[in-house]
All heavy atoms as atom14 arrays in JSON, in Angstrom:
{
  "sequence": "NVKAVLINIFGGIVRCDRVANGVVQAVKELGLKV",
  "atom14_mask": [
    [1, 1, 1, 1, 1, 1, 1, 1, 0, 0, 0, 0, 0, 0],
    [1, 1, 1, 1, 1, 1, 1, 0, 0, 0, 0, 0, 0, 0],
    [1, 1, 1, 1, 1, 1, 1, 1, 1, 0, 0, 0, 0, 0],
    [1, 1, 1, 1, 1, 0, 0, 0, 0, 0, 0, 0, 0, 0],
    [1, 1, 1, 1, 1, 1, 1, 0, 0, 0, 0, 0, 0, 0],
    [1, 1, 1, 1, 1, 1, 1, 1, 0, 0, 0, 0, 0, 0],
    [1, 1, 1, 1, 1, 1, 1, 1, 0, 0, 0, 0, 0, 0],
    [1, 1, 1, 1, 1, 1, 1, 1, 0, 0, 0, 0, 0, 0],
    [1, 1, 1, 1, 1, 1, 1, 1, 0, 0, 0, 0, 0, 0],
    [1, 1, 1, 1, 1, 1, 1, 1, 1, 1, 1, 0, 0, 0],
    [1, 1, 1, 1, 0, 0, 0, 0, 0, 0, 0, 0, 0, 0],
    [1, 1, 1, 1, 0, 0, 0, 0, 0, 0, 0, 0, 0, 0],
    [1, 1, 1, 1, 1, 1, 1, 1, 0, 0, 0, 0, 0, 0],
    [1, 1, 1, 1, 1, 1, 1, 0, 0, 0, 0, 0, 0, 0],
    [1, 1, 1, 1, 1, 1, 1, 1, 1, 1, 1, 0, 0, 0],
    [1, 1, 1, 1, 1, 1, 0, 0, 0, 0, 0, 0, 0, 0],
    [1, 1, 1, 1, 1, 1, 1, 1, 0, 0, 0, 0, 0, 0],
    [1, 1, 1, 1, 1, 1, 1, 1, 1, 1, 1, 0, 0, 0],
    [1, 1, 1, 1, 1, 1, 1, 0, 0, 0, 0, 0, 0, 0],
    [1, 1, 1, 1, 1, 0, 0, 0, 0, 0, 0, 0, 0, 0],
    [1, 1, 1, 1, 1, 1, 1, 1, 0, 0, 0, 0, 0, 0],
    [1, 1, 1, 1, 0, 0, 0, 0, 0, 0, 0, 0, 0, 0],
    [1, 1, 1, 1, 1, 1, 1, 0, 0, 0, 0, 0, 0, 0],
    [1, 1, 1, 1, 1, 1, 1, 0, 0, 0, 0, 0, 0, 0],
    [1, 1, 1, 1, 1, 1, 1, 1, 1, 0, 0, 0, 0, 0],
    [1, 1, 1, 1, 1, 0, 0, 0, 0, 0, 0, 0, 0, 0],
    [1, 1, 1, 1, 1, 1, 1, 0, 0, 0, 0, 0, 0, 0],
    [1, 1, 1, 1, 1, 1, 1, 1, 1, 0, 0, 0, 0, 0],
    [1, 1, 1, 1, 1, 1, 1, 1, 1, 0, 0, 0, 0, 0],
    [1, 1, 1, 1, 1, 1, 1, 1, 0, 0, 0, 0, 0, 0],
    [1, 1, 1, 1, 0, 0, 0, 0, 0, 0, 0, 0, 0, 0],
    [1, 1, 1, 1, 1, 1, 1, 1, 0, 0, 0, 0, 0, 0],
    [1, 1, 1, 1, 1, 1, 1, 1, 1, 0, 0, 0, 0, 0],
    [1, 1, 1, 1, 1, 1, 1, 0, 0, 0, 0, 0, 0, 0]
  ],
  "atom14_positions": [
    [[-16.57, -104.05, -28.22], [-16.38, -102.91, -27.32], [-16.91, -101.6, -27.89], [-17.07, -100.62, -27.16], [-14.89, -102.74, -26.99], [-14.33, -103.91, -26.2], [-15.03, -104.48, -25.38], [-13.08, -104.26, -26.45], [0.0, 0.0, 0.0], [0.0, 0.0, 0.0], [0.0, 0.0, 0.0], [0.0, 0.0, 0.0], [0.0, 0.0, 0.0], [0.0, 0.0, 0.0]],
    [[-17.18, -101.56, -29.19], [-17.6, -100.31, -29.84], [-19.03, -99.94, -29.41], [-19.97, -100.71, -29.59], [-17.53, -100.44, -31.38], [-18.18, -99.24, -32.05], [-16.07, -100.58, -31.81], [0.0, 0.0, 0.0], [0.0, 0.0, 0.0], [0.0, 0.0, 0.0], [0.0, 0.0, 0.0], [0.0, 0.0, 0.0], [0.0, 0.0, 0.0], [0.0, 0.0, 0.0]],
    [[-19.15, -98.73, -28.84], [-20.45, -98.24, -28.38], [-20.99, -97.1, -29.24], [-22.17, -96.73, -29.12], [-20.33, -97.74, -26.93], [-19.8, -98.78, -25.95], [-20.68, -100.03, -25.92], [-20.13, -101.05, -24.93], [-20.89, -102.32, -24.98], [0.0, 0.0, 0.0], [0.0, 0.0, 0.0], [0.0, 0.0, 0.0], [0.0, 0.0, 0.0], [0.0, 0.0, 0.0]],
    [[-20.14, -96.54, -30.1], [-20.56, -95.47, -31.02], [-19.52, -95.38, -32.13], [-18.37, -95.78, -31.94], [-20.69, -94.14, -30.29], [0.0, 0.0, 0.0], [0.0, 0.0, 0.0], [0.0, 0.0, 0.0], [0.0, 0.0, 0.0], [0.0, 0.0, 0.0], [0.0, 0.0, 0.0], [0.0, 0.0, 0.0], [0.0, 0.0, 0.0], [0.0, 0.0, 0.0]],
    [[-19.94, -94.86, -33.27], [-19.05, -94.77, -34.43], [-19.01, -93.33, -34.93], [-20.06, -92.68, -35.05], [-19.51, -95.7, -35.57], [-18.61, -95.54, -36.8], [-19.52, -97.15, -35.11], [0.0, 0.0, 0.0], [0.0, 0.0, 0.0], [0.0, 0.0, 0.0], [0.0, 0.0, 0.0], [0.0, 0.0, 0.0], [0.0, 0.0, 0.0], [0.0, 0.0, 0.0]],
    [[-17.8, -92.85, -35.22], [-17.61, -91.54, -35.83], [-17.09, -91.71, -37.25], [-16.05, -92.34, -37.46], [-16.63, -90.69, -35.02], [-16.17, -89.37, -35.68], [-17.37, -88.48, -35.98], [-15.16, -88.65, -34.81], [0.0, 0.0, 0.0], [0.0, 0.0, 0.0], [0.0, 0.0, 0.0], [0.0, 0.0, 0.0], [0.0, 0.0, 0.0], [0.0, 0.0, 0.0]],
    [[-17.81, -91.17, -38.23], [-17.34, -91.12, -39.61], [-16.88, -89.69, -39.89], [-17.68, -88.75, -39.8], [-18.45, -91.53, -40.59], [-18.9, -92.96, -40.31], [-17.97, -91.41, -42.03], [-20.07, -93.42, -41.15], [0.0, 0.0, 0.0], [0.0, 0.0, 0.0], [0.0, 0.0, 0.0], [0.0, 0.0, 0.0], [0.0, 0.0, 0.0], [0.0, 0.0, 0.0]],
    [[-15.61, -89.54, -40.18], [-15.03, -88.21, -40.38], [-14.34, -88.2, -41.75], [-13.26, -88.75, -41.91], [-14.03, -87.91, -39.26], [-13.52, -86.48, -39.33], [-14.09, -85.64, -40.01], [-12.44, -86.22, -38.61], [0.0, 0.0, 0.0], [0.0, 0.0, 0.0], [0.0, 0.0, 0.0], [0.0, 0.0, 0.0], [0.0, 0.0, 0.0], [0.0, 0.0, 0.0]],
    [[-14.99, -87.59, -42.72], [-14.49, -87.62, -44.1], [-14.25, -86.2, -44.6], [-15.13, -85.33, -44.49], [-15.49, -88.32, -45.05], [-15.76, -89.76, -44.58], [-14.98, -88.29, -46.49], [-14.58, -90.7, -44.7], [0.0, 0.0, 0.0], [0.0, 0.0, 0.0], [0.0, 0.0, 0.0], [0.0, 0.0, 0.0], [0.0, 0.0, 0.0], [0.0, 0.0, 0.0]],
    [[-13.07, -85.96, -45.15], [-12.82, -84.72, -45.85], [-12.74, -85.05, -47.34], [-11.84, -85.76, -47.79], [-11.51, -84.07, -45.4], [-11.24, -82.75, -46.08], [-11.86, -81.59, -45.63], [-10.42, -82.67, -47.19], [-11.65, -80.38, -46.27], [-10.2, -81.46, -47.83], [-10.82, -80.31, -47.37], [0.0, 0.0, 0.0], [0.0, 0.0, 0.0], [0.0, 0.0, 0.0]],
    [[-13.68, -84.53, -48.09], [-13.79, -84.88, -49.49], [-12.88, -84.06, -50.38], [-13.15, -82.89, -50.64], [0.0, 0.0, 0.0], [0.0, 0.0, 0.0], [0.0, 0.0, 0.0], [0.0, 0.0, 0.0], [0.0, 0.0, 0.0], [0.0, 0.0, 0.0], [0.0, 0.0, 0.0], [0.0, 0.0, 0.0], [0.0, 0.0, 0.0], [0.0, 0.0, 0.0]],
    [[-11.82, -84.67, -50.82], [-10.96, -84.06, -51.81], [-11.11, -84.87, -53.07], [-11.92, -84.54, -53.95], [0.0, 0.0, 0.0], [0.0, 0.0, 0.0], [0.0, 0.0, 0.0], [0.0, 0.0, 0.0], [0.0, 0.0, 0.0], [0.0, 0.0, 0.0], [0.0, 0.0, 0.0], [0.0, 0.0, 0.0], [0.0, 0.0, 0.0], [0.0, 0.0, 0.0]],
    [[-10.39, -85.95, -53.16], [-10.58, -86.9, -54.26], [-11.92, -87.61, -54.1], [-12.7, -87.75, -55.05], [-9.43, -87.94, -54.29], [-8.09, -87.25, -54.52], [-9.68, -88.98, -55.37], [-6.9, -88.16, -54.4], [0.0, 0.0, 0.0], [0.0, 0.0, 0.0], [0.0, 0.0, 0.0], [0.0, 0.0, 0.0], [0.0, 0.0, 0.0], [0.0, 0.0, 0.0]],
    [[-12.18, -88.04, -52.87], [-13.44, -88.74, -52.61], [-14.58, -87.73, -52.48], [-14.41, -86.67, -51.87], [-13.32, -89.61, -51.33], [-13.04, -88.76, -50.12], [-14.58, -90.42, -51.11], [0.0, 0.0, 0.0], [0.0, 0.0, 0.0], [0.0, 0.0, 0.0], [0.0, 0.0, 0.0], [0.0, 0.0, 0.0], [0.0, 0.0, 0.0], [0.0, 0.0, 0.0]],
    [[-15.72, -88.04, -53.06], [-16.89, -87.16, -52.99], [-17.73, -87.5, -51.77], [-18.03, -88.67, -51.5], [-17.73, -87.3, -54.26], [-17.1, -86.68, -55.48], [-17.8, -87.11, -56.76], [-19.21, -87.45, -56.6], [-19.9, -88.16, -57.49], [-19.31, -88.6, -58.58], [-21.18, -88.42, -57.28], [0.0, 0.0, 0.0], [0.0, 0.0, 0.0], [0.0, 0.0, 0.0]],
    [[-18.13, -86.47, -51.03], [-18.89, -86.68, -49.81], [-20.25, -87.33, -50.08], [-20.74, -88.1, -49.25], [-19.09, -85.35, -49.08], [-17.57, -84.67, -48.39], [0.0, 0.0, 0.0], [0.0, 0.0, 0.0], [0.0, 0.0, 0.0], [0.0, 0.0, 0.0], [0.0, 0.0, 0.0], [0.0, 0.0, 0.0], [0.0, 0.0, 0.0], [0.0, 0.0, 0.0]],
    [[-20.87, -87.03, -51.23], [-22.17, -87.62, -51.52], [-22.07, -89.13, -51.71], [-22.98, -89.88, -51.33], [-22.82, -86.97, -52.74], [-21.94, -87.04, -53.99], [-20.71, -86.91, -53.86], [-22.5, -87.24, -55.09], [0.0, 0.0, 0.0], [0.0, 0.0, 0.0], [0.0, 0.0, 0.0], [0.0, 0.0, 0.0], [0.0, 0.0, 0.0], [0.0, 0.0, 0.0]],
    [[-20.94, -89.6, -52.28], [-20.74, -91.05, -52.41], [-20.6, -91.7, -51.04], [-21.14, -92.79, -50.79], [-19.48, -91.33, -53.24], [-19.61, -90.99, -54.71], [-18.32, -91.25, -55.46], [-17.94, -92.66, -55.4], [-16.76, -93.12, -55.82], [-15.86, -92.28, -56.31], [-16.5, -94.4, -55.76], [0.0, 0.0, 0.0], [0.0, 0.0, 0.0], [0.0, 0.0, 0.0]],
    [[-19.88, -91.03, -50.15], [-19.72, -91.55, -48.79], [-21.07, -91.57, -48.09], [-21.43, -92.55, -47.41], [-18.71, -90.71, -48.0], [-18.63, -91.21, -46.56], [-17.34, -90.76, -48.65], [0.0, 0.0, 0.0], [0.0, 0.0, 0.0], [0.0, 0.0, 0.0], [0.0, 0.0, 0.0], [0.0, 0.0, 0.0], [0.0, 0.0, 0.0], [0.0, 0.0, 0.0]],
    [[-21.85, -90.51, -48.25], [-23.16, -90.43, -47.6], [-24.07, -91.57, -48.06], [-24.76, -92.2, -47.25], [-23.81, -89.08, -47.89], [0.0, 0.0, 0.0], [0.0, 0.0, 0.0], [0.0, 0.0, 0.0], [0.0, 0.0, 0.0], [0.0, 0.0, 0.0], [0.0, 0.0, 0.0], [0.0, 0.0, 0.0], [0.0, 0.0, 0.0], [0.0, 0.0, 0.0]],
    [[-24.07, -91.83, -49.36], [-24.85, -92.95, -49.88], [-24.39, -94.27, -49.27], [-25.2, -95.15, -48.96], [-24.74, -93.02, -51.41], [-25.62, -91.98, -52.1], [-26.72, -91.71, -51.65], [-25.12, -91.4, -53.19], [0.0, 0.0, 0.0], [0.0, 0.0, 0.0], [0.0, 0.0, 0.0], [0.0, 0.0, 0.0], [0.0, 0.0, 0.0], [0.0, 0.0, 0.0]],
    [[-23.09, -94.41, -49.12], [-22.54, -95.62, -48.51], [-22.95, -95.77, -47.06], [-23.28, -96.87, -46.59], [0.0, 0.0, 0.0], [0.0, 0.0, 0.0], [0.0, 0.0, 0.0], [0.0, 0.0, 0.0], [0.0, 0.0, 0.0], [0.0, 0.0, 0.0], [0.0, 0.0, 0.0], [0.0, 0.0, 0.0], [0.0, 0.0, 0.0], [0.0, 0.0, 0.0]],
    [[-22.95, -94.66, -46.33], [-23.36, -94.68, -44.92], [-24.83, -95.09, -44.8], [-25.18, -95.97, -44.0], [-23.14, -93.29, -44.27], [-23.76, -93.25, -42.88], [-21.65, -92.97, -44.19], [0.0, 0.0, 0.0], [0.0, 0.0, 0.0], [0.0, 0.0, 0.0], [0.0, 0.0, 0.0], [0.0, 0.0, 0.0], [0.0, 0.0, 0.0], [0.0, 0.0, 0.0]],
    [[-25.67, -94.48, -45.6], [-27.1, -94.79, -45.55], [-27.33, -96.26, -45.9], [-28.1, -96.97, -45.23], [-27.89, -93.88, -46.52], [-29.34, -94.34, -46.62], [-27.81, -92.43, -46.06], [0.0, 0.0, 0.0], [0.0, 0.0, 0.0], [0.0, 0.0, 0.0], [0.0, 0.0, 0.0], [0.0, 0.0, 0.0], [0.0, 0.0, 0.0], [0.0, 0.0, 0.0]],
    [[-26.69, -96.72, -46.96], [-26.84, -98.11, -47.4], [-26.37, -99.07, -46.32], [-27.03, -100.08, -46.03], [-26.04, -98.33, -48.68], [-26.19, -99.72, -49.28], [-25.38, -99.87, -50.57], [-25.06, -98.89, -51.23], [-25.02, -101.1, -50.89], [0.0, 0.0, 0.0], [0.0, 0.0, 0.0], [0.0, 0.0, 0.0], [0.0, 0.0, 0.0], [0.0, 0.0, 0.0]],
    [[-25.24, -98.76, -45.69], [-24.68, -99.64, -44.66], [-25.57, -99.69, -43.43], [-25.82, -100.77, -42.87], [-23.28, -99.15, -44.27], [0.0, 0.0, 0.0], [0.0, 0.0, 0.0], [0.0, 0.0, 0.0], [0.0, 0.0, 0.0], [0.0, 0.0, 0.0], [0.0, 0.0, 0.0], [0.0, 0.0, 0.0], [0.0, 0.0, 0.0], [0.0, 0.0, 0.0]],
    [[-26.06, -98.52, -43.0], [-26.93, -98.48, -41.82], [-28.2, -99.3, -42.06], [-28.67, -100.03, -41.18], [-27.29, -97.02, -41.47], [-28.37, -96.97, -40.39], [-26.04, -96.26, -41.01], [0.0, 0.0, 0.0], [0.0, 0.0, 0.0], [0.0, 0.0, 0.0], [0.0, 0.0, 0.0], [0.0, 0.0, 0.0], [0.0, 0.0, 0.0], [0.0, 0.0, 0.0]],
    [[-28.77, -99.2, -43.27], [-29.99, -99.95, -43.58], [-29.74, -101.44, -43.68], [-30.5, -102.26, -43.16], [-30.6, -99.42, -44.88], [-31.22, -98.04, -44.77], [-31.8, -97.58, -46.11], [-32.5, -96.23, -45.98], [-33.04, -95.75, -47.27], [0.0, 0.0, 0.0], [0.0, 0.0, 0.0], [0.0, 0.0, 0.0], [0.0, 0.0, 0.0], [0.0, 0.0, 0.0]],
    [[-28.65, -101.81, -44.36], [-28.39, -103.24, -44.6], [-27.88, -103.95, -43.36], [-28.22, -105.12, -43.12], [-27.38, -103.39, -45.73], [-27.92, -103.04, -47.1], [-26.93, -103.35, -48.21], [-25.97, -104.11, -47.95], [-27.1, -102.84, -49.33], [0.0, 0.0, 0.0], [0.0, 0.0, 0.0], [0.0, 0.0, 0.0], [0.0, 0.0, 0.0], [0.0, 0.0, 0.0]],
    [[-27.06, -103.27, -42.58], [-26.44, -103.93, -41.43], [-27.27, -103.81, -40.17], [-27.0, -104.49, -39.18], [-25.04, -103.35, -41.18], [-24.03, -103.5, -42.34], [-22.7, -102.83, -41.98], [-23.81, -104.98, -42.66], [0.0, 0.0, 0.0], [0.0, 0.0, 0.0], [0.0, 0.0, 0.0], [0.0, 0.0, 0.0], [0.0, 0.0, 0.0], [0.0, 0.0, 0.0]],
    [[-28.29, -102.95, -40.19], [-29.13, -102.79, -39.01], [-28.33, -102.36, -37.8], [-28.39, -102.99, -36.74], [0.0, 0.0, 0.0], [0.0, 0.0, 0.0], [0.0, 0.0, 0.0], [0.0, 0.0, 0.0], [0.0, 0.0, 0.0], [0.0, 0.0, 0.0], [0.0, 0.0, 0.0], [0.0, 0.0, 0.0], [0.0, 0.0, 0.0], [0.0, 0.0, 0.0]],
    [[-27.62, -101.27, -37.94], [-26.73, -100.8, -36.87], [-27.5, -100.5, -35.59], [-28.56, -99.88, -35.62], [-25.97, -99.56, -37.33], [-25.08, -99.71, -38.56], [-24.25, -98.46, -38.76], [-24.15, -100.91, -38.42], [0.0, 0.0, 0.0], [0.0, 0.0, 0.0], [0.0, 0.0, 0.0], [0.0, 0.0, 0.0], [0.0, 0.0, 0.0], [0.0, 0.0, 0.0]],
    [[-26.93, -100.94, -34.48], [-27.58, -100.73, -33.18], [-26.77, -99.8, -32.29], [-27.05, -99.67, -31.1], [-27.78, -102.08, -32.49], [-28.7, -103.02, -33.25], [-28.87, -104.34, -32.54], [-29.8, -105.27, -33.33], [-29.96, -106.6, -32.67], [0.0, 0.0, 0.0], [0.0, 0.0, 0.0], [0.0, 0.0, 0.0], [0.0, 0.0, 0.0], [0.0, 0.0, 0.0]],
    [[-25.75, -99.15, -32.87], [-24.97, -98.19, -32.1], [-25.12, -96.82, -32.76], [-25.37, -96.73, -33.97], [-23.47, -98.58, -32.04], [-23.3, -99.91, -31.34], [-22.84, -98.61, -33.43], [0.0, 0.0, 0.0], [0.0, 0.0, 0.0], [0.0, 0.0, 0.0], [0.0, 0.0, 0.0], [0.0, 0.0, 0.0], [0.0, 0.0, 0.0], [0.0, 0.0, 0.0]]
  ]
}
């Protein structure tokens, strides 16, 4: 049922650049179509 995805991260302990790298890696590897 998912037609779009929202990633909403507030970086306190977690670093936003690590999340960004994860997003890019996931989009490339999984071939996201949404």
